[in-house]
Amino acid sequence: MKRGFYTIMAAQFFSSLADNALFISAVALLRYMHEPDWKKAALVPIFAVFYVVLAPFVGAVADSLPKGRVMFFSNAIKVVGCLMMLLGAHPLPAYAVVGLGAAAYSPAKYGILTELLPPSQLVKANGWIEGLTIVSIILGAVVGGMLMHPHLFDLLLQMDLQHHFIDRHISSPPKLAIAVIMVFYLLASVINTRIPRTDAPLQPLPKNIFSLLPEFWQCNKLLWQDKLGQISLASTTLFWGVSGNLRYLVLAWAAAALRYTEPQAATLEGVVAIGTALGAVWASRIRLERALDVMPLGIAMGLVTLLLIPIKTLWLAVPFFIMLGGLGGFLVVPMNAMLQHRGHSLMGAGRSIAVQNFNEQAAILGLGVAYSFITKCGIGVYGAVAFFGLLVAGCMVLFQWWHKHNLAQHPAEIERLLEQARNDDLHGH
């Protein structure tokens, strides 16, 4: 791996750690404010709003500037969202601003991989990126829980008796956690400035930014028409749509089944992350041209999810979440790599990732709104578990049939695309 790859990994680690700690803190802040459960569930879709709205533009922006610079400003926007929460803004719109920063960050983060590395290293690179991201999720859950511990807050209040800064500006344990999380975003921003420029040419933005809209939809159409891209895009869209909402679903299940608070339940998200990391690292061994062979694991993942319904004890929950995470990690890493490869070949790195984000975040937004609605209607967490499990299993069966149909109807086209996946010289390396 090139040296710049490790700088990208370091920046991604701290930014992702902050993202995951902030989610736990935002849920706790809403609870502290005595907001209803459906508003807590709404944190997931509200985060996705800017991903969907700005999708036609953020990819082009990522391709028009050095991607390290884009990542720097994206983390700065996340800091603004944190400041809004500290200054008294409602957590939902403030969290949407953090989502704005994340929407701008993602095309640059993934797009630079295809500029820096040859196709043969994409699966491995994605495996390590996803694995490190999972480690940051684990630590983010732990850090978020630790920072909200009442004893820590009381200790700081005692140390600050003279100046009364904390009780005036950081009035609760969740706000203390958010204040510390800002430091992680700032650290990620500093590391972003060390990401090297690649030799990939910059693509200037058009004078009329809205002219990007038809271009974006054309890029979206191209990826959905590609015989390998369409399957990997459908699979990752489904995976992230469900996984994005699983973040809150785990917290809700832990509260219902184990009577856990948010800091306690956050440790279970860390357990899921451990399994995902193991699956992601193991999946990094898969060659790019074999990426679509992992689809049966998606069916298994959906069916396994249903087993969560009867679980009522921690000693059963821990191995279950490790297994569920492992299946997800093994599925998504090869699919992401294939999607990046096809997207880069068809339209460029930044635009391709923006298309991917649009579809995946639209799924998170749609499923999140549905989850918030059924929660508001009184349907419990176990009904939500059954809904998501059956949705994943059913859709993955459909995607597998779709791929088999393509193999039967377009064998020459698919073989040509697979040959490109085997060729490291495709992008001039």
Protein backbone atom coordinates (compact mmCIF):
# COMPACT_ATOMS: atom_id res chain seq x y z
CA MET A 1 0.00 0.00 0.00
CA LYS A 2 1.12 3.54 -0.75
CA ARG A 3 2.06 5.79 2.16
CA GLY A 4 -0.86 8.16 1.53
CA PHE A 5 -3.29 5.31 2.18
CA TYR A 6 -2.29 5.18 5.86
CA THR A 7 -2.87 8.94 6.23
CA ILE A 8 -6.36 8.45 4.81
CA MET A 9 -6.92 5.62 7.30
CA ALA A 10 -5.86 7.82 10.24
CA ALA A 11 -8.17 10.67 9.19
CA GLN A 12 -11.05 8.26 8.64
CA PHE A 13 -10.50 6.68 12.04
CA PHE A 14 -10.92 9.89 14.06
CA SER A 15 -13.75 11.23 11.91
CA SER A 16 -15.67 7.95 12.15
CA LEU A 17 -14.99 7.66 15.90
CA ALA A 18 -16.51 11.11 16.37
CA ASP A 19 -19.48 10.29 14.11
CA ASN A 20 -20.41 7.21 16.13
CA ALA A 21 -19.85 8.78 19.55
CA LEU A 22 -21.97 11.74 18.44
CA PHE A 23 -24.91 9.52 17.47
CA ILE A 24 -25.00 7.95 20.93
CA SER A 25 -24.69 11.40 22.51
CA ALA A 26 -27.48 12.87 20.33
CA VAL A 27 -29.86 10.04 21.30
CA ALA A 28 -29.01 10.63 24.97
CA LEU A 29 -29.51 14.40 24.57
CA LEU A 30 -33.02 13.83 23.16
CA ARG A 31 -33.79 11.52 26.09
CA TYR A 32 -32.44 14.19 28.49
CA MET A 33 -34.86 16.65 26.82
CA HIS A 34 -37.74 14.14 27.31
CA GLU A 35 -38.42 13.88 23.56
CA PRO A 36 -40.56 10.94 22.28
CA ASP A 37 -39.00 7.76 20.87
CA TRP A 38 -39.94 8.54 17.27
CA LYS A 39 -37.73 11.66 17.36
CA LYS A 40 -34.79 9.52 18.51
CA ALA A 41 -35.42 7.16 15.57
CA ALA A 42 -35.62 10.24 13.30
CA LEU A 43 -31.92 10.97 13.92
CA VAL A 44 -31.08 8.30 11.34
CA PRO A 45 -33.08 9.68 8.40
CA ILE A 46 -32.33 13.33 9.29
CA PHE A 47 -28.61 12.54 8.96
CA ALA A 48 -29.26 11.22 5.44
CA VAL A 49 -31.18 14.25 4.12
CA PHE A 50 -28.19 16.16 2.72
CA TYR A 51 -26.70 12.98 1.27
CA VAL A 52 -29.80 12.73 -0.92
CA VAL A 53 -30.37 16.44 -1.66
CA LEU A 54 -26.74 17.28 -2.47
CA ALA A 55 -25.83 14.03 -4.22
CA PRO A 56 -25.75 15.62 -7.72
CA PHE A 57 -23.22 18.21 -6.54
CA VAL A 58 -20.86 16.73 -3.92
CA GLY A 59 -19.29 14.21 -6.29
CA ALA A 60 -18.42 16.93 -8.78
CA VAL A 61 -17.01 19.09 -5.98
CA ALA A 62 -14.86 16.17 -4.82
CA ASP A 63 -13.51 15.72 -8.36
CA SER A 64 -12.83 19.47 -8.80
CA LEU A 65 -10.61 19.94 -5.72
CA PRO A 66 -7.82 18.01 -3.98
CA LYS A 67 -9.73 15.43 -1.99
CA GLY A 68 -7.74 16.06 1.20
CA ARG A 69 -8.97 19.67 1.16
CA VAL A 70 -12.58 18.54 0.67
CA MET A 71 -12.25 16.19 3.66
CA PHE A 72 -10.81 19.04 5.77
CA PHE A 73 -13.76 21.38 5.15
CA SER A 74 -16.22 18.52 5.61
CA ASN A 75 -14.98 17.86 9.13
CA ALA A 76 -15.16 21.59 9.83
CA ILE A 77 -18.87 21.49 8.96
CA LYS A 78 -19.35 18.65 11.45
CA VAL A 79 -17.79 20.87 14.12
CA VAL A 80 -20.41 23.54 13.33
CA GLY A 81 -23.19 20.98 13.89
CA CYS A 82 -21.74 20.09 17.29
CA LEU A 83 -21.52 23.76 18.23
CA MET A 84 -25.20 24.20 17.35
CA MET A 85 -26.16 21.48 19.85
CA LEU A 86 -23.98 23.05 22.55
CA LEU A 87 -25.50 26.48 21.96
CA GLY A 88 -29.07 25.25 22.40
CA ALA A 89 -30.27 24.31 18.90
CA HIS A 90 -32.58 21.31 18.70
CA PRO A 91 -30.53 18.14 18.12
CA LEU A 92 -32.42 17.11 14.95
CA PRO A 93 -31.51 20.12 12.71
CA ALA A 94 -28.03 20.30 14.28
CA TYR A 95 -27.49 16.63 13.50
CA ALA A 96 -28.62 17.32 9.94
CA VAL A 97 -25.73 19.82 9.64
CA VAL A 98 -23.33 17.07 10.75
CA GLY A 99 -24.91 14.95 8.01
CA LEU A 100 -24.10 17.76 5.55
CA GLY A 101 -20.42 17.45 6.47
CA ALA A 102 -20.58 13.67 6.13
CA ALA A 103 -22.25 13.97 2.71
CA ALA A 104 -19.38 16.11 1.44
CA TYR A 105 -16.74 13.90 3.10
CA SER A 106 -17.74 10.53 1.66
CA PRO A 107 -17.08 11.04 -2.11
CA ALA A 108 -13.61 12.38 -1.31
CA LYS A 109 -12.82 9.59 1.18
CA TYR A 110 -13.71 6.72 -1.13
CA GLY A 111 -12.89 8.47 -4.39
CA ILE A 112 -9.25 9.00 -3.48
CA LEU A 113 -8.79 5.23 -3.08
CA THR A 114 -9.46 4.62 -6.77
CA GLU A 115 -7.01 7.42 -7.66
CA LEU A 116 -4.29 6.16 -5.34
CA LEU A 117 -4.52 2.36 -5.79
CA PRO A 118 -4.80 -0.13 -8.68
CA PRO A 119 -7.96 -2.29 -9.03
CA SER A 120 -6.27 -5.39 -7.58
CA GLN A 121 -5.77 -3.57 -4.25
CA LEU A 122 -9.28 -2.09 -3.96
CA VAL A 123 -10.84 -5.03 -2.13
CA LYS A 124 -7.92 -5.17 0.28
CA ALA A 125 -7.99 -1.39 0.80
CA ASN A 126 -11.74 -1.42 1.39
CA GLY A 127 -11.31 -4.31 3.80
CA TRP A 128 -8.81 -2.35 5.87
CA ILE A 129 -10.81 0.89 5.66
CA GLU A 130 -14.00 -0.90 6.74
CA GLY A 131 -12.13 -2.83 9.43
CA LEU A 132 -10.59 0.36 10.83
CA THR A 133 -13.95 2.10 10.60
CA ILE A 134 -15.45 -0.71 12.66
CA VAL A 135 -12.73 -0.30 15.29
CA SER A 136 -13.61 3.39 15.42
CA ILE A 137 -17.29 2.44 15.83
CA ILE A 138 -16.38 0.27 18.81
CA LEU A 139 -14.27 2.97 20.40
CA GLY A 140 -16.83 5.62 19.50
CA ALA A 141 -19.54 3.69 21.35
CA VAL A 142 -17.24 3.20 24.34
CA VAL A 143 -16.05 6.82 24.37
CA GLY A 144 -19.60 8.15 23.91
CA GLY A 145 -20.80 6.07 26.85
CA MET A 146 -17.86 7.01 29.08
CA LEU A 147 -18.20 10.73 28.38
CA MET A 148 -21.86 10.67 29.41
CA HIS A 149 -21.20 8.99 32.74
CA PRO A 150 -22.81 11.16 35.46
CA HIS A 151 -19.81 10.76 37.78
CA LEU A 152 -17.50 12.33 35.18
CA PHE A 153 -19.87 15.23 34.72
CA ASP A 154 -20.17 15.77 38.50
CA LEU A 155 -16.37 15.61 38.85
CA LEU A 156 -15.91 18.32 36.23
CA LEU A 157 -18.57 20.46 37.87
CA GLN A 158 -16.66 20.25 41.17
CA MET A 159 -13.41 21.22 39.45
CA ASP A 160 -15.15 24.19 37.80
CA LEU A 161 -16.91 25.63 40.83
CA GLN A 162 -15.00 28.91 40.61
CA HIS A 163 -15.73 29.78 36.99
CA HIS A 164 -19.10 28.00 36.44
CA PHE A 165 -18.19 27.51 32.77
CA ILE A 166 -19.48 23.96 32.55
CA ASP A 167 -22.88 24.48 34.19
CA ARG A 168 -23.47 27.60 32.03
CA HIS A 169 -22.35 26.24 28.64
CA ILE A 170 -22.23 22.44 29.01
CA SER A 171 -25.35 21.83 31.05
CA SER A 172 -25.69 18.03 30.85
CA PRO A 173 -23.59 14.85 30.40
CA PRO A 174 -24.63 14.50 26.71
CA LYS A 175 -23.43 18.06 26.00
CA LEU A 176 -20.13 17.30 27.73
CA ALA A 177 -19.72 14.32 25.41
CA ILE A 178 -20.48 16.49 22.37
CA ALA A 179 -17.88 19.08 23.45
CA VAL A 180 -15.18 16.40 23.62
CA ILE A 181 -16.30 14.87 20.30
CA MET A 182 -15.58 18.20 18.63
CA VAL A 183 -11.89 17.66 19.49
CA PHE A 184 -11.86 14.41 17.50
CA TYR A 185 -13.32 16.18 14.47
CA LEU A 186 -10.64 18.87 14.76
CA LEU A 187 -7.91 16.20 14.97
CA ALA A 188 -9.28 14.51 11.85
CA SER A 189 -9.21 17.89 10.09
CA VAL A 190 -5.53 18.35 10.91
CA ILE A 191 -4.70 14.90 9.51
CA ASN A 192 -6.72 15.72 6.37
CA THR A 193 -4.18 18.44 5.55
CA ARG A 194 -1.47 15.73 5.31
CA ILE A 195 -3.23 13.66 2.64
CA PRO A 196 -1.10 13.78 -0.53
CA ARG A 197 -2.23 15.05 -3.91
CA THR A 198 -2.64 12.31 -6.52
CA ASP A 199 -1.81 12.52 -10.22
CA ALA A 200 -5.49 12.30 -11.16
CA PRO A 201 -6.52 15.43 -13.10
CA LEU A 202 -9.03 17.78 -11.46
CA GLN A 203 -12.37 18.23 -13.23
CA PRO A 204 -13.48 21.89 -13.02
CA LEU A 205 -17.01 22.70 -11.90
CA PRO A 206 -19.33 24.14 -14.57
CA LYS A 207 -20.32 27.82 -14.33
CA ASN A 208 -23.94 26.79 -13.88
CA ILE A 209 -23.91 24.36 -10.95
CA PHE A 210 -27.44 23.16 -11.76
CA SER A 211 -26.20 21.78 -15.08
CA LEU A 212 -24.81 18.98 -12.92
CA LEU A 213 -28.33 17.65 -12.33
CA PRO A 214 -28.83 15.98 -15.74
CA GLU A 215 -25.19 14.82 -15.63
CA PHE A 216 -25.79 13.22 -12.22
CA TRP A 217 -28.91 11.42 -13.36
CA GLN A 218 -27.00 10.18 -16.41
CA CYS A 219 -24.25 8.85 -14.12
CA ASN A 220 -26.90 7.20 -11.97
CA LYS A 221 -28.44 5.63 -15.08
CA LEU A 222 -25.03 4.41 -16.30
CA LEU A 223 -24.28 2.63 -13.03
CA TRP A 224 -27.73 1.01 -12.86
CA GLN A 225 -27.33 -0.20 -16.45
CA ASP A 226 -23.88 -1.74 -15.88
CA LYS A 227 -24.24 -5.52 -15.57
CA LEU A 228 -21.90 -5.73 -12.57
CA GLY A 229 -22.45 -2.24 -11.18
CA GLN A 230 -26.22 -2.66 -10.92
CA ILE A 231 -25.98 -5.78 -8.74
CA SER A 232 -23.33 -4.35 -6.41
CA LEU A 233 -25.23 -1.04 -6.21
CA ALA A 234 -28.51 -2.78 -5.37
CA SER A 235 -26.80 -4.90 -2.70
CA THR A 236 -24.92 -2.04 -1.02
CA THR A 237 -28.03 0.19 -1.18
CA LEU A 238 -30.01 -2.44 0.68
CA PHE A 239 -27.20 -3.18 3.14
CA TRP A 240 -26.58 0.43 4.14
CA GLY A 241 -30.29 1.27 4.15
CA VAL A 242 -30.88 -1.42 6.76
CA SER A 243 -27.55 -1.03 8.60
CA GLY A 244 -28.03 2.72 8.98
CA ASN A 245 -31.27 2.11 10.84
CA LEU A 246 -29.82 -0.82 12.76
CA ARG A 247 -27.80 1.74 14.76
CA TYR A 248 -30.94 2.91 16.53
CA LEU A 249 -32.69 -0.48 16.36
CA VAL A 250 -29.92 -2.03 18.50
CA LEU A 251 -30.37 0.71 21.12
CA ALA A 252 -34.15 0.22 21.10
CA TRP A 253 -33.87 -3.58 21.31
CA ALA A 254 -31.40 -3.37 24.21
CA ALA A 255 -33.78 -1.06 26.08
CA ALA A 256 -36.73 -3.42 25.51
CA ALA A 257 -35.03 -6.79 26.00
CA LEU A 258 -32.24 -5.99 28.47
CA ARG A 259 -33.49 -2.72 30.06
CA TYR A 260 -30.26 -0.98 29.04
CA THR A 261 -29.65 2.78 28.94
CA GLU A 262 -28.04 4.38 25.87
CA PRO A 263 -24.45 4.18 27.20
CA GLN A 264 -24.96 0.51 28.10
CA ALA A 265 -26.64 -0.32 24.80
CA ALA A 266 -23.86 1.42 22.89
CA THR A 267 -21.53 -1.42 23.90
CA LEU A 268 -23.71 -3.79 21.85
CA GLU A 269 -23.13 -1.62 18.77
CA GLY A 270 -19.46 -2.17 19.51
CA VAL A 271 -20.08 -5.94 19.57
CA VAL A 272 -21.75 -5.77 16.14
CA ALA A 273 -18.78 -3.75 14.97
CA ILE A 274 -16.33 -6.43 16.15
CA GLY A 275 -18.10 -9.00 13.99
CA THR A 276 -18.21 -6.61 11.03
CA ALA A 277 -14.47 -5.92 11.37
CA LEU A 278 -13.69 -9.65 11.37
CA GLY A 279 -15.89 -10.18 8.33
CA ALA A 280 -14.43 -7.16 6.51
CA VAL A 281 -10.81 -8.19 7.07
CA TRP A 282 -11.55 -11.76 6.02
CA ALA A 283 -13.36 -10.51 2.91
CA SER A 284 -10.29 -8.48 1.90
CA ARG A 285 -8.80 -11.78 0.63
CA ILE A 286 -11.44 -12.03 -2.10
CA ARG A 287 -10.34 -11.12 -5.62
CA LEU A 288 -12.28 -8.28 -7.22
CA GLU A 289 -13.69 -10.44 -10.05
CA ARG A 290 -15.25 -12.80 -7.44
CA ALA A 291 -16.98 -10.00 -5.52
CA LEU A 292 -20.54 -10.95 -6.50
CA ASP A 293 -20.11 -14.53 -5.27
CA VAL A 294 -20.86 -13.39 -1.70
CA MET A 295 -24.58 -12.67 -2.29
CA PRO A 296 -25.85 -15.81 -0.47
CA LEU A 297 -24.41 -14.30 2.71
CA GLY A 298 -26.92 -11.45 2.34
CA ILE A 299 -29.79 -13.95 2.38
CA ALA A 300 -28.31 -15.60 5.47
CA MET A 301 -27.89 -12.19 7.14
CA GLY A 302 -31.59 -11.40 6.73
CA LEU A 303 -32.75 -14.76 8.09
CA VAL A 304 -30.30 -14.63 11.01
CA THR A 305 -31.69 -11.22 12.00
CA LEU A 306 -35.01 -12.88 12.89
CA LEU A 307 -33.24 -14.86 15.63
CA LEU A 308 -32.88 -11.61 17.61
CA ILE A 309 -36.60 -11.67 18.50
CA PRO A 310 -36.50 -14.44 21.14
CA ILE A 311 -33.15 -13.38 22.67
CA LYS A 312 -33.52 -11.95 26.18
CA THR A 313 -30.07 -12.40 27.72
CA LEU A 314 -26.70 -10.76 27.16
CA TRP A 315 -24.80 -14.06 26.86
CA LEU A 316 -26.91 -14.98 23.81
CA ALA A 317 -26.95 -11.46 22.38
CA VAL A 318 -23.16 -11.06 22.21
CA PRO A 319 -22.39 -14.06 19.91
CA PHE A 320 -25.50 -13.25 17.87
CA PHE A 321 -24.37 -9.68 17.16
CA ILE A 322 -20.83 -10.84 16.35
CA MET A 323 -22.24 -13.34 13.82
CA LEU A 324 -24.62 -10.75 12.32
CA GLY A 325 -21.82 -8.21 11.98
CA GLY A 326 -19.49 -10.80 10.44
CA LEU A 327 -22.02 -11.67 7.74
CA GLY A 328 -22.52 -7.98 6.96
CA GLY A 329 -18.80 -7.19 6.80
CA PHE A 330 -18.07 -10.14 4.51
CA LEU A 331 -20.90 -9.06 2.21
CA VAL A 332 -20.32 -5.32 1.91
CA VAL A 333 -16.53 -5.12 1.41
CA PRO A 334 -16.36 -6.98 -1.94
CA MET A 335 -19.57 -5.30 -3.12
CA ASN A 336 -18.20 -1.84 -2.28
CA ALA A 337 -14.96 -2.58 -4.09
CA MET A 338 -16.76 -3.75 -7.25
CA LEU A 339 -19.01 -0.71 -7.15
CA GLN A 340 -16.04 1.65 -6.80
CA HIS A 341 -14.24 -0.07 -9.66
CA ARG A 342 -17.20 0.08 -12.05
CA GLY A 343 -18.05 3.64 -11.05
CA HIS A 344 -14.49 4.86 -11.54
CA SER A 345 -14.36 3.20 -14.95
CA LEU A 346 -17.66 4.75 -16.07
CA MET A 347 -17.62 8.29 -14.68
CA GLY A 348 -14.77 9.11 -12.27
CA ALA A 349 -14.25 8.47 -8.60
CA GLY A 350 -16.07 11.38 -6.96
CA ARG A 351 -19.17 11.23 -9.16
CA SER A 352 -19.41 7.48 -8.75
CA ILE A 353 -19.29 7.66 -4.95
CA ALA A 354 -21.90 10.45 -5.01
CA VAL A 355 -24.23 8.19 -7.02
CA GLN A 356 -23.57 5.37 -4.58
CA ASN A 357 -24.24 7.64 -1.60
CA PHE A 358 -27.45 8.96 -3.17
CA ASN A 359 -28.90 5.49 -3.54
CA GLU A 360 -27.69 4.21 -0.17
CA GLN A 361 -28.72 7.30 1.78
CA ALA A 362 -32.09 7.43 0.01
CA ALA A 363 -32.60 3.89 1.31
CA ILE A 364 -31.56 4.97 4.83
CA LEU A 365 -33.88 7.97 4.58
CA GLY A 366 -36.84 5.96 3.28
CA LEU A 367 -36.44 3.08 5.72
CA GLY A 368 -35.73 5.52 8.56
CA VAL A 369 -38.93 7.47 7.89
CA ALA A 370 -40.81 4.15 7.77
CA TYR A 371 -39.22 3.06 11.06
CA SER A 372 -40.03 6.40 12.74
CA PHE A 373 -43.62 6.14 11.47
CA ILE A 374 -44.22 2.60 12.72
CA THR A 375 -42.66 3.57 16.06
CA LYS A 376 -45.03 6.53 16.32
CA CYS A 377 -47.93 4.17 15.47
CA GLY A 378 -47.03 1.95 18.41
CA ILE A 379 -45.46 -1.01 16.57
CA GLY A 380 -42.78 -2.37 18.84
CA VAL A 381 -39.10 -3.07 18.32
CA TYR A 382 -39.69 -6.77 17.63
CA GLY A 383 -41.98 -5.98 14.73
CA ALA A 384 -39.24 -3.72 13.33
CA VAL A 385 -36.67 -6.53 13.66
CA ALA A 386 -38.93 -8.90 11.70
CA PHE A 387 -39.55 -6.24 9.04
CA PHE A 388 -35.84 -5.54 8.43
CA GLY A 389 -34.83 -9.22 8.52
CA LEU A 390 -37.43 -10.34 5.97
CA LEU A 391 -36.69 -7.32 3.77
CA VAL A 392 -32.97 -8.18 3.55
CA ALA A 393 -33.52 -11.89 2.89
CA GLY A 394 -36.20 -11.31 0.26
CA CYS A 395 -34.30 -8.60 -1.61
CA MET A 396 -31.03 -10.58 -1.68
CA VAL A 397 -32.89 -13.57 -3.17
CA LEU A 398 -34.16 -11.21 -5.87
CA PHE A 399 -30.67 -9.75 -6.52
CA GLN A 400 -29.13 -13.20 -6.83
CA TRP A 401 -31.77 -14.19 -9.41
CA TRP A 402 -31.07 -10.90 -11.23
CA HIS A 403 -27.34 -11.69 -11.47
CA LYS A 404 -28.01 -15.24 -12.72
CA HIS A 405 -30.31 -13.78 -15.37
CA ASN A 406 -27.53 -11.39 -16.49
CA LEU A 407 -25.04 -14.25 -16.69
CA ALA A 408 -27.42 -16.20 -18.92
CA GLN A 409 -28.44 -13.28 -21.14
CA HIS A 410 -25.18 -11.24 -21.36
CA PRO A 411 -22.24 -13.64 -20.85
CA ALA A 412 -19.85 -11.84 -23.24
CA GLU A 413 -20.49 -8.41 -21.68
CA ILE A 414 -19.98 -9.71 -18.14
CA GLU A 415 -16.78 -11.52 -19.10
CA ARG A 416 -15.45 -8.27 -20.63
CA LEU A 417 -16.19 -6.40 -17.40
CA LEU A 418 -14.60 -9.13 -15.28
CA GLU A 419 -11.49 -8.94 -17.44
CA GLN A 420 -11.29 -5.23 -16.66
CA ALA A 421 -11.48 -6.08 -12.97
CA ARG A 422 -8.48 -8.40 -13.38
CA ASN A 423 -6.42 -5.71 -15.19
CA ASP A 424 -4.35 -3.37 -13.01
CA ASP A 425 -3.45 -1.22 -16.01
CA LEU A 426 -7.00 0.02 -16.50
CA HIS A 427 -6.38 3.36 -14.76
CA GLY A 428 -2.87 3.90 -15.91
CA HIS A 429 -1.02 2.25 -12.99
